[in-house]
């Protein structure tokens, strides 16, 4: 059993139709996807939680990859740590949650 939050989880399905005739090549698309550089994307913290390989009944395989986006600690509507009040005369900064 994998303990993941639904909002932080993505499931990817790959199909290798020729797994019986090319066992090594059946996972090429999965391996290429897994090694993709995501450091400059919104998915930089993507973590693989589980990989399952299942026969498709016709000589191929289905590969299911369960991933965590690594955003479980972040809220969907993130607020800045500093709240800025802008007026024509001045800009004041105060920590969120305080009142002036």
PDB file of N, CA and C in Angstrom:
ATOM      1  N   UNK A   1       0.837  -1.182   0.000  1.00  0.00           N
ATOM      2  CA  UNK A   1       0.000   0.000   0.000  1.00  0.00           C
ATOM      3  C   UNK A   1       0.878   1.239   0.000  1.00  0.00           C
ATOM      4  N   UNK A   2       0.580   2.170  -0.872  1.00  0.00           N
ATOM      5  CA  UNK A   2       1.323   3.410  -0.972  1.00  0.00           C
ATOM      6  C   UNK A   2       0.474   4.520  -0.366  1.00  0.00           C
ATOM      7  N   UNK A   3       1.063   5.300   0.518  1.00  0.00           N
ATOM      8  CA  UNK A   3       0.348   6.399   1.156  1.00  0.00           C
ATOM      9  C   UNK A   3       0.653   7.691   0.413  1.00  0.00           C
ATOM     10  N   UNK A   4      -0.260   8.101  -0.469  1.00  0.00           N
ATOM     11  CA  UNK A   4      -0.083   9.317  -1.254  1.00  0.00           C
ATOM     12  C   UNK A   4      -1.334  10.180  -1.154  1.00  0.00           C
ATOM     13  N   UNK A   5      -1.159  11.481  -1.280  1.00  0.00           N
ATOM     14  CA  UNK A   5      -2.294  12.394  -1.315  1.00  0.00           C
ATOM     15  C   UNK A   5      -2.777  12.525  -2.753  1.00  0.00           C
ATOM     16  N   UNK A   6      -4.079  12.468  -2.951  1.00  0.00           N
ATOM     17  CA  UNK A   6      -4.639  12.492  -4.306  1.00  0.00           C
ATOM     18  C   UNK A   6      -4.225  13.734  -5.090  1.00  0.00           C
ATOM     19  N   UNK A   7      -4.212  14.884  -4.464  1.00  0.00           N
ATOM     20  CA  UNK A   7      -3.871  16.115  -5.169  1.00  0.00           C
ATOM     21  C   UNK A   7      -2.395  16.179  -5.549  1.00  0.00           C
ATOM     22  N   UNK A   8      -1.590  15.327  -4.946  1.00  0.00           N
ATOM     23  CA  UNK A   8      -0.147  15.340  -5.170  1.00  0.00           C
ATOM     24  C   UNK A   8       0.315  14.124  -5.977  1.00  0.00           C
ATOM     25  N   UNK A   9      -0.620  13.368  -6.541  1.00  0.00           N
ATOM     26  CA  UNK A   9      -0.295  12.105  -7.188  1.00  0.00           C
ATOM     27  C   UNK A   9      -0.688  12.117  -8.661  1.00  0.00           C
ATOM     28  N   UNK A  10       0.170  11.564  -9.486  1.00  0.00           N
ATOM     29  CA  UNK A  10      -0.132  11.376 -10.902  1.00  0.00           C
ATOM     30  C   UNK A  10       0.192   9.935 -11.262  1.00  0.00           C
ATOM     31  N   UNK A  11      -0.633   9.354 -12.143  1.00  0.00           N
ATOM     32  CA  UNK A  11      -0.428   7.983 -12.600  1.00  0.00           C
ATOM     33  C   UNK A  11      -0.272   8.022 -14.115  1.00  0.00           C
ATOM     34  N   UNK A  12       0.800   7.418 -14.592  1.00  0.00           N
ATOM     35  CA  UNK A  12       1.099   7.394 -16.024  1.00  0.00           C
ATOM     36  C   UNK A  12       1.044   5.954 -16.507  1.00  0.00           C
ATOM     37  N   UNK A  13       0.430   5.734 -17.663  1.00  0.00           N
ATOM     38  CA  UNK A  13       0.282   4.404 -18.226  1.00  0.00           C
ATOM     39  C   UNK A  13       1.002   4.345 -19.565  1.00  0.00           C
ATOM     40  N   UNK A  14       1.875   3.359 -19.706  1.00  0.00           N
ATOM     41  CA  UNK A  14       2.607   3.133 -20.957  1.00  0.00           C
ATOM     42  C   UNK A  14       2.218   1.762 -21.488  1.00  0.00           C
ATOM     43  N   UNK A  15       2.170   1.620 -22.808  1.00  0.00           N
ATOM     44  CA  UNK A  15       1.869   0.328 -23.418  1.00  0.00           C
ATOM     45  C   UNK A  15       2.992  -0.046 -24.370  1.00  0.00           C
ATOM     46  N   UNK A  16       3.575  -1.200 -24.135  1.00  0.00           N
ATOM     47  CA  UNK A  16       4.589  -1.755 -25.026  1.00  0.00           C
ATOM     48  C   UNK A  16       3.974  -2.925 -25.769  1.00  0.00           C
ATOM     49  N   UNK A  17       3.522  -2.692 -26.983  1.00  0.00           N
ATOM     50  CA  UNK A  17       2.784  -3.714 -27.731  1.00  0.00           C
ATOM     51  C   UNK A  17       3.644  -4.895 -28.160  1.00  0.00           C
ATOM     52  N   UNK A  18       4.947  -4.684 -28.304  1.00  0.00           N
ATOM     53  CA  UNK A  18       5.808  -5.747 -28.828  1.00  0.00           C
ATOM     54  C   UNK A  18       6.730  -6.339 -27.767  1.00  0.00           C
ATOM     55  N   UNK A  19       6.284  -6.454 -26.560  1.00  0.00           N
ATOM     56  CA  UNK A  19       7.137  -6.953 -25.472  1.00  0.00           C
ATOM     57  C   UNK A  19       7.597  -8.394 -25.712  1.00  0.00           C
ATOM     58  N   UNK A  20       6.758  -9.224 -26.298  1.00  0.00           N
ATOM     59  CA  UNK A  20       7.135 -10.623 -26.537  1.00  0.00           C
ATOM     60  C   UNK A  20       8.256 -10.722 -27.569  1.00  0.00           C
ATOM     61  N   UNK A  21       8.217  -9.883 -28.592  1.00  0.00           N
ATOM     62  CA  UNK A  21       9.244  -9.950 -29.633  1.00  0.00           C
ATOM     63  C   UNK A  21      10.460  -9.090 -29.326  1.00  0.00           C
ATOM     64  N   UNK A  22      10.313  -8.079 -28.460  1.00  0.00           N
ATOM     65  CA  UNK A  22      11.420  -7.181 -28.127  1.00  0.00           C
ATOM     66  C   UNK A  22      11.357  -6.826 -26.638  1.00  0.00           C
ATOM     67  N   UNK A  23      11.738  -7.776 -25.762  1.00  0.00           N
ATOM     68  CA  UNK A  23      11.622  -7.528 -24.326  1.00  0.00           C
ATOM     69  C   UNK A  23      12.399  -6.303 -23.843  1.00  0.00           C
ATOM     70  N   UNK A  24      13.579  -6.066 -24.385  1.00  0.00           N
ATOM     71  CA  UNK A  24      14.372  -4.906 -23.971  1.00  0.00           C
ATOM     72  C   UNK A  24      13.775  -3.596 -24.446  1.00  0.00           C
ATOM     73  N   UNK A  25      13.227  -3.592 -25.653  1.00  0.00           N
ATOM     74  CA  UNK A  25      12.656  -2.390 -26.224  1.00  0.00           C
ATOM     75  C   UNK A  25      11.298  -2.023 -25.662  1.00  0.00           C
ATOM     76  N   UNK A  26      10.631  -2.968 -25.015  1.00  0.00           N
ATOM     77  CA  UNK A  26       9.290  -2.715 -24.492  1.00  0.00           C
ATOM     78  C   UNK A  26       9.291  -1.633 -23.424  1.00  0.00           C
ATOM     79  N   UNK A  27      10.403  -1.454 -22.751  1.00  0.00           N
ATOM     80  CA  UNK A  27      10.486  -0.454 -21.686  1.00  0.00           C
ATOM     81  C   UNK A  27      11.205   0.815 -22.123  1.00  0.00           C
ATOM     82  N   UNK A  28      11.582   0.921 -23.390  1.00  0.00           N
ATOM     83  CA  UNK A  28      12.312   2.099 -23.868  1.00  0.00           C
ATOM     84  C   UNK A  28      11.568   3.407 -23.607  1.00  0.00           C
ATOM     85  N   UNK A  29      10.281   3.454 -23.923  1.00  0.00           N
ATOM     86  CA  UNK A  29       9.506   4.685 -23.717  1.00  0.00           C
ATOM     87  C   UNK A  29       9.437   5.048 -22.237  1.00  0.00           C
ATOM     88  N   UNK A  30       9.285   4.037 -21.379  1.00  0.00           N
ATOM     89  CA  UNK A  30       9.228   4.279 -19.936  1.00  0.00           C
ATOM     90  C   UNK A  30      10.568   4.799 -19.429  1.00  0.00           C
ATOM     91  N   UNK A  31      11.641   4.140 -19.832  1.00  0.00           N
ATOM     92  CA  UNK A  31      12.973   4.560 -19.387  1.00  0.00           C
ATOM     93  C   UNK A  31      13.329   5.958 -19.887  1.00  0.00           C
ATOM     94  N   UNK A  32      12.959   6.265 -21.118  1.00  0.00           N
ATOM     95  CA  UNK A  32      13.221   7.596 -21.659  1.00  0.00           C
ATOM     96  C   UNK A  32      12.445   8.650 -20.869  1.00  0.00           C
ATOM     97  N   UNK A  33      11.186   8.348 -20.544  1.00  0.00           N
ATOM     98  CA  UNK A  33      10.359   9.272 -19.773  1.00  0.00           C
ATOM     99  C   UNK A  33      10.913   9.453 -18.359  1.00  0.00           C
ATOM    100  N   UNK A  34      11.360   8.358 -17.741  1.00  0.00           N
ATOM    101  CA  UNK A  34      11.886   8.418 -16.366  1.00  0.00           C
ATOM    102  C   UNK A  34      13.170   9.241 -16.272  1.00  0.00           C
ATOM    103  N   UNK A  35      13.984   9.226 -17.326  1.00  0.00           N
ATOM    104  CA  UNK A  35      15.276   9.927 -17.279  1.00  0.00           C
ATOM    105  C   UNK A  35      15.193  11.363 -17.801  1.00  0.00           C
ATOM    106  N   UNK A  36      14.015  11.812 -18.151  1.00  0.00           N
ATOM    107  CA  UNK A  36      13.832  13.172 -18.673  1.00  0.00           C
ATOM    108  C   UNK A  36      14.245  14.209 -17.618  1.00  0.00           C
ATOM    109  N   UNK A  37      14.958  15.233 -18.051  1.00  0.00           N
ATOM    110  CA  UNK A  37      15.383  16.308 -17.151  1.00  0.00           C
ATOM    111  C   UNK A  37      14.197  17.230 -16.872  1.00  0.00           C
ATOM    112  N   UNK A  38      13.768  17.272 -15.613  1.00  0.00           N
ATOM    113  CA  UNK A  38      12.630  18.094 -15.218  1.00  0.00           C
ATOM    114  C   UNK A  38      13.044  19.232 -14.281  1.00  0.00           C
ATOM    115  N   UNK A  39      14.333  19.488 -14.160  1.00  0.00           N
ATOM    116  CA  UNK A  39      14.822  20.451 -13.179  1.00  0.00           C
ATOM    117  C   UNK A  39      14.309  21.864 -13.413  1.00  0.00           C
ATOM    118  N   UNK A  40      14.009  22.233 -14.632  1.00  0.00           N
ATOM    119  CA  UNK A  40      13.540  23.590 -14.920  1.00  0.00           C
ATOM    120  C   UNK A  40      12.042  23.627 -15.200  1.00  0.00           C
ATOM    121  N   UNK A  41      11.318  22.598 -14.781  1.00  0.00           N
ATOM    122  CA  UNK A  41       9.881  22.524 -15.020  1.00  0.00           C
ATOM    123  C   UNK A  41       9.136  22.546 -13.689  1.00  0.00           C
ATOM    124  N   UNK A  42       7.818  22.678 -13.724  1.00  0.00           N
ATOM    125  CA  UNK A  42       7.036  22.616 -12.483  1.00  0.00           C
ATOM    126  C   UNK A  42       7.096  21.241 -11.820  1.00  0.00           C
ATOM    127  N   UNK A  43       7.655  20.258 -12.509  1.00  0.00           N
ATOM    128  CA  UNK A  43       7.726  18.891 -11.980  1.00  0.00           C
ATOM    129  C   UNK A  43       9.127  18.522 -11.503  1.00  0.00           C
ATOM    130  N   UNK A  44       9.877  19.486 -11.041  1.00  0.00           N
ATOM    131  CA  UNK A  44      11.257  19.246 -10.606  1.00  0.00           C
ATOM    132  C   UNK A  44      11.329  18.277  -9.429  1.00  0.00           C
ATOM    133  N   UNK A  45      10.301  18.218  -8.605  1.00  0.00           N
ATOM    134  CA  UNK A  45      10.298  17.344  -7.423  1.00  0.00           C
ATOM    135  C   UNK A  45       9.565  16.031  -7.663  1.00  0.00           C
ATOM    136  N   UNK A  46       9.309  15.682  -8.911  1.00  0.00           N
ATOM    137  CA  UNK A  46       8.596  14.449  -9.237  1.00  0.00           C
ATOM    138  C   UNK A  46       9.346  13.242  -8.689  1.00  0.00           C
ATOM    139  N   UNK A  47       8.644  12.391  -7.953  1.00  0.00           N
ATOM    140  CA  UNK A  47       9.250  11.195  -7.368  1.00  0.00           C
ATOM    141  C   UNK A  47       8.425   9.973  -7.737  1.00  0.00           C
ATOM    142  N   UNK A  48       9.080   8.941  -8.246  1.00  0.00           N
ATOM    143  CA  UNK A  48       8.400   7.693  -8.574  1.00  0.00           C
ATOM    144  C   UNK A  48       8.152   6.933  -7.283  1.00  0.00           C
ATOM    145  N   UNK A  49       6.906   6.547  -7.067  1.00  0.00           N
ATOM    146  CA  UNK A  49       6.519   5.803  -5.864  1.00  0.00           C
ATOM    147  C   UNK A  49       6.325   4.321  -6.139  1.00  0.00           C
ATOM    148  N   UNK A  50       5.921   3.981  -7.383  1.00  0.00           N
ATOM    149  CA  UNK A  50       5.662   2.581  -7.691  1.00  0.00           C
ATOM    150  C   UNK A  50       5.667   2.387  -9.204  1.00  0.00           C
ATOM    151  N   UNK A  51       6.177   1.261  -9.651  1.00  0.00           N
ATOM    152  CA  UNK A  51       6.109   0.865 -11.057  1.00  0.00           C
ATOM    153  C   UNK A  51       5.577  -0.560 -11.100  1.00  0.00           C
ATOM    154  N   UNK A  52       4.534  -0.763 -11.914  1.00  0.00           N
ATOM    155  CA  UNK A  52       3.925  -2.086 -12.051  1.00  0.00           C
ATOM    156  C   UNK A  52       3.901  -2.451 -13.525  1.00  0.00           C
ATOM    157  N   UNK A  53       4.319  -3.673 -13.832  1.00  0.00           N
ATOM    158  CA  UNK A  53       4.295  -4.174 -15.205  1.00  0.00           C
ATOM    159  C   UNK A  53       3.293  -5.319 -15.258  1.00  0.00           C
ATOM    160  N   UNK A  54       2.349  -5.224 -16.225  1.00  0.00           N
ATOM    161  CA  UNK A  54       1.281  -6.220 -16.364  1.00  0.00           C
ATOM    162  C   UNK A  54       1.158  -6.620 -17.827  1.00  0.00           C
ATOM    163  N   UNK A  55       0.972  -7.907 -18.079  1.00  0.00           N
ATOM    164  CA  UNK A  55       0.789  -8.386 -19.454  1.00  0.00           C
ATOM    165  C   UNK A  55      -0.543  -7.886 -19.998  1.00  0.00           C
ATOM    166  N   UNK A  56      -0.567  -7.575 -21.298  1.00  0.00           N
ATOM    167  CA  UNK A  56      -1.815  -7.105 -21.905  1.00  0.00           C
ATOM    168  C   UNK A  56      -2.625  -8.241 -22.530  1.00  0.00           C
ATOM    169  N   UNK A  57      -2.100  -9.454 -22.490  1.00  0.00           N
ATOM    170  CA  UNK A  57      -2.810 -10.611 -23.023  1.00  0.00           C
ATOM    171  C   UNK A  57      -2.597 -10.833 -24.511  1.00  0.00           C
ATOM    172  N   UNK A  58      -1.843  -9.945 -25.149  1.00  0.00           N
ATOM    173  CA  UNK A  58      -1.609 -10.070 -26.592  1.00  0.00           C
ATOM    174  C   UNK A  58      -0.123  -9.944 -26.923  1.00  0.00           C
ATOM    175  N   UNK A  59       0.738 -10.295 -25.972  1.00  0.00           N
ATOM    176  CA  UNK A  59       2.178 -10.241 -26.209  1.00  0.00           C
ATOM    177  C   UNK A  59       2.829  -8.927 -25.827  1.00  0.00           C
ATOM    178  N   UNK A  60       2.066  -8.020 -25.297  1.00  0.00           N
ATOM    179  CA  UNK A  60       2.603  -6.727 -24.886  1.00  0.00           C
ATOM    180  C   UNK A  60       2.519  -6.556 -23.373  1.00  0.00           C
ATOM    181  N   UNK A  61       2.903  -5.379 -22.921  1.00  0.00           N
ATOM    182  CA  UNK A  61       2.829  -5.083 -21.491  1.00  0.00           C
ATOM    183  C   UNK A  61       2.264  -3.676 -21.270  1.00  0.00           C
ATOM    184  N   UNK A  62       1.623  -3.533 -20.134  1.00  0.00           N
ATOM    185  CA  UNK A  62       1.230  -2.218 -19.636  1.00  0.00           C
ATOM    186  C   UNK A  62       2.155  -1.902 -18.479  1.00  0.00           C
ATOM    187  N   UNK A  63       2.712  -0.711 -18.474  1.00  0.00           N
ATOM    188  CA  UNK A  63       3.551  -0.269 -17.360  1.00  0.00           C
ATOM    189  C   UNK A  63       2.861   0.918 -16.713  1.00  0.00           C
ATOM    190  N   UNK A  64       2.564   0.790 -15.441  1.00  0.00           N
ATOM    191  CA  UNK A  64       1.924   1.854 -14.677  1.00  0.00           C
ATOM    192  C   UNK A  64       2.970   2.472 -13.759  1.00  0.00           C
ATOM    193  N   UNK A  65       3.117   3.795 -13.821  1.00  0.00           N
ATOM    194  CA  UNK A  65       4.080   4.511 -12.990  1.00  0.00           C
ATOM    195  C   UNK A  65       3.300   5.479 -12.104  1.00  0.00           C
ATOM    196  N   UNK A  66       3.390   5.277 -10.786  1.00  0.00           N
ATOM    197  CA  UNK A  66       2.721   6.148  -9.819  1.00  0.00           C
ATOM    198  C   UNK A  66       3.757   7.127  -9.293  1.00  0.00           C
ATOM    199  N   UNK A  67       3.444   8.429  -9.397  1.00  0.00           N
ATOM    200  CA  UNK A  67       4.393   9.470  -9.014  1.00  0.00           C
ATOM    201  C   UNK A  67       3.784  10.448  -8.020  1.00  0.00           C
ATOM    202  N   UNK A  68       4.648  11.008  -7.210  1.00  0.00           N
ATOM    203  CA  UNK A  68       4.293  12.109  -6.331  1.00  0.00           C
ATOM    204  C   UNK A  68       4.908  13.365  -6.934  1.00  0.00           C
ATOM    205  N   UNK A  69       4.131  14.445  -6.971  1.00  0.00           N
ATOM    206  CA  UNK A  69       4.640  15.699  -7.529  1.00  0.00           C
ATOM    207  C   UNK A  69       5.564  16.419  -6.566  1.00  0.00           C
ATOM    208  N   UNK A  70       5.595  16.002  -5.307  1.00  0.00           N
ATOM    209  CA  UNK A  70       6.448  16.643  -4.319  1.00  0.00           C
ATOM    210  C   UNK A  70       5.895  17.961  -3.822  1.00  0.00           C
ATOM    211  N   UNK A  71       4.584  18.150  -3.969  1.00  0.00           N
ATOM    212  CA  UNK A  71       3.952  19.402  -3.549  1.00  0.00           C
ATOM    213  C   UNK A  71       3.034  19.207  -2.355  1.00  0.00           C
ATOM    214  N   UNK A  72       3.115  18.093  -1.673  1.00  0.00           N
ATOM    215  CA  UNK A  72       2.175  17.784  -0.589  1.00  0.00           C
ATOM    216  C   UNK A  72       2.166  18.841   0.498  1.00  0.00           C
ATOM    217  N   UNK A  73       3.299  19.470   0.776  1.00  0.00           N
ATOM    218  CA  UNK A  73       3.369  20.471   1.821  1.00  0.00           C
ATOM    219  C   UNK A  73       2.952  21.855   1.381  1.00  0.00           C
ATOM    220  N   UNK A  74       2.701  22.025   0.089  1.00  0.00           N
ATOM    221  CA  UNK A  74       2.336  23.341  -0.434  1.00  0.00           C
ATOM    222  C   UNK A  74       0.831  23.405  -0.602  1.00  0.00           C
ATOM    223  N   UNK A  75       0.257  24.550  -0.323  1.00  0.00           N
ATOM    224  CA  UNK A  75      -1.171  24.717  -0.537  1.00  0.00           C
ATOM    225  C   UNK A  75      -1.421  25.019  -2.004  1.00  0.00           C
ATOM    226  N   UNK A  76      -2.622  24.730  -2.444  1.00  0.00           N
ATOM    227  CA  UNK A  76      -2.970  24.964  -3.842  1.00  0.00           C
ATOM    228  C   UNK A  76      -2.971  26.452  -4.141  1.00  0.00           C
ATOM    229  N   UNK A  77      -3.437  27.251  -3.199  1.00  0.00           N
ATOM    230  CA  UNK A  77      -3.438  28.703  -3.373  1.00  0.00           C
ATOM    231  C   UNK A  77      -2.423  29.288  -2.404  1.00  0.00           C
ATOM    232  N   UNK A  78      -1.181  29.167  -2.759  1.00  0.00           N
ATOM    233  CA  UNK A  78      -0.107  29.642  -1.884  1.00  0.00           C
ATOM    234  C   UNK A  78      -0.176  31.147  -1.715  1.00  0.00           C
ATOM    235  N   UNK A  79       0.083  31.594  -0.500  1.00  0.00           N
ATOM    236  CA  UNK A  79       0.099  33.011  -0.211  1.00  0.00           C
ATOM    237  C   UNK A  79       1.529  33.440   0.059  1.00  0.00           C
ATOM    238  N   UNK A  80       1.869  34.658  -0.283  1.00  0.00           N
ATOM    239  CA  UNK A  80       3.230  35.125  -0.009  1.00  0.00           C
ATOM    240  C   UNK A  80       3.460  35.258   1.488  1.00  0.00           C
ATOM    241  N   UNK A  81       4.722  35.191   1.883  1.00  0.00           N
ATOM    242  CA  UNK A  81       5.056  35.340   3.290  1.00  0.00           C
ATOM    243  C   UNK A  81       4.971  36.792   3.741  1.00  0.00           C
ATOM    244  N   UNK A  82       5.096  37.697   2.814  1.00  0.00           N
ATOM    245  CA  UNK A  82       5.026  39.132   3.113  1.00  0.00           C
ATOM    246  C   UNK A  82       3.839  39.723   2.367  1.00  0.00           C
ATOM    247  N   UNK A  83       3.008  40.443   3.083  1.00  0.00           N
ATOM    248  CA  UNK A  83       1.874  41.126   2.467  1.00  0.00           C
ATOM    249  C   UNK A  83       2.264  42.577   2.238  1.00  0.00           C
ATOM    250  N   UNK A  84       2.120  43.022   1.007  1.00  0.00           N
ATOM    251  CA  UNK A  84       2.498  44.397   0.682  1.00  0.00           C
ATOM    252  C   UNK A  84       1.251  45.268   0.572  1.00  0.00           C
ATOM    253  N   UNK A  85       1.275  46.387   1.270  1.00  0.00           N
ATOM    254  CA  UNK A  85       0.221  47.379   1.139  1.00  0.00           C
ATOM    255  C   UNK A  85       0.806  48.551   0.372  1.00  0.00           C
ATOM    256  N   UNK A  86       0.220  48.834  -0.767  1.00  0.00           N
ATOM    257  CA  UNK A  86       0.762  49.885  -1.627  1.00  0.00           C
ATOM    258  C   UNK A  86      -0.195  51.068  -1.617  1.00  0.00           C
ATOM    259  N   UNK A  87       0.337  52.212  -1.293  1.00  0.00           N
ATOM    260  CA  UNK A  87      -0.408  53.464  -1.411  1.00  0.00           C
ATOM    261  C   UNK A  87       0.436  54.414  -2.232  1.00  0.00           C
ATOM    262  N   UNK A  88      -0.117  55.567  -2.563  1.00  0.00           N
ATOM    263  CA  UNK A  88       0.660  56.516  -3.351  1.00  0.00           C
ATOM    264  C   UNK A  88       1.854  57.042  -2.568  1.00  0.00           C
ATOM    265  N   UNK A  89       1.728  57.131  -1.259  1.00  0.00           N
ATOM    266  CA  UNK A  89       2.799  57.711  -0.460  1.00  0.00           C
ATOM    267  C   UNK A  89       3.891  56.710  -0.090  1.00  0.00           C
ATOM    268  N   UNK A  90       3.501  55.443   0.185  1.00  0.00           N
ATOM    269  CA  UNK A  90       4.500  54.518   0.714  1.00  0.00           C
ATOM    270  C   UNK A  90       4.098  53.062   0.468  1.00  0.00           C
ATOM    271  N   UNK A  91       5.058  52.201   0.651  1.00  0.00           N
ATOM    272  CA  UNK A  91       4.837  50.754   0.590  1.00  0.00           C
ATOM    273  C   UNK A  91       5.206  50.202   1.948  1.00  0.00           C
ATOM    274  N   UNK A  92       4.296  49.476   2.571  1.00  0.00           N
ATOM    275  CA  UNK A  92       4.619  48.861   3.853  1.00  0.00           C
ATOM    276  C   UNK A  92       4.565  47.357   3.699  1.00  0.00           C
ATOM    277  N   UNK A  93       5.415  46.678   4.424  1.00  0.00           N
ATOM    278  CA  UNK A  93       5.447  45.226   4.422  1.00  0.00           C
ATOM    279  C   UNK A  93       5.198  44.741   5.822  1.00  0.00           C
ATOM    280  N   UNK A  94       4.321  43.747   5.938  1.00  0.00           N
ATOM    281  CA  UNK A  94       4.057  43.151   7.226  1.00  0.00           C
ATOM    282  C   UNK A  94       3.859  41.648   7.040  1.00  0.00           C
ATOM    283  N   UNK A  95       4.277  40.852   8.010  1.00  0.00           N
ATOM    284  CA  UNK A  95       4.088  39.409   7.886  1.00  0.00           C
ATOM    285  C   UNK A  95       2.615  39.071   7.749  1.00  0.00           C
ATOM    286  N   UNK A  96       2.305  38.062   6.951  1.00  0.00           N
ATOM    287  CA  UNK A  96       0.919  37.640   6.748  1.00  0.00           C
ATOM    288  C   UNK A  96       0.335  37.211   8.081  1.00  0.00           C
ATOM    289  N   UNK A  97      -0.898  37.585   8.311  1.00  0.00           N
ATOM    290  CA  UNK A  97      -1.575  37.206   9.546  1.00  0.00           C
ATOM    291  C   UNK A  97      -1.578  38.299  10.592  1.00  0.00           C
ATOM    292  N   UNK A  98      -0.878  39.404  10.337  1.00  0.00           N
ATOM    293  CA  UNK A  98      -0.891  40.512  11.281  1.00  0.00           C
ATOM    294  C   UNK A  98      -1.716  41.636  10.697  1.00  0.00           C
ATOM    295  N   UNK A  99      -2.135  42.513  11.536  1.00  0.00           N
ATOM    296  CA  UNK A  99      -2.898  43.671  11.063  1.00  0.00           C
ATOM    297  C   UNK A  99      -2.156  44.938  11.411  1.00  0.00           C
ATOM    298  N   UNK A 100      -2.371  45.963  10.645  1.00  0.00           N
ATOM    299  CA  UNK A 100      -1.684  47.231  10.869  1.00  0.00           C
ATOM    300  C   UNK A 100      -2.402  48.043  11.921  1.00  0.00           C
TER     301      UNK A 100
END
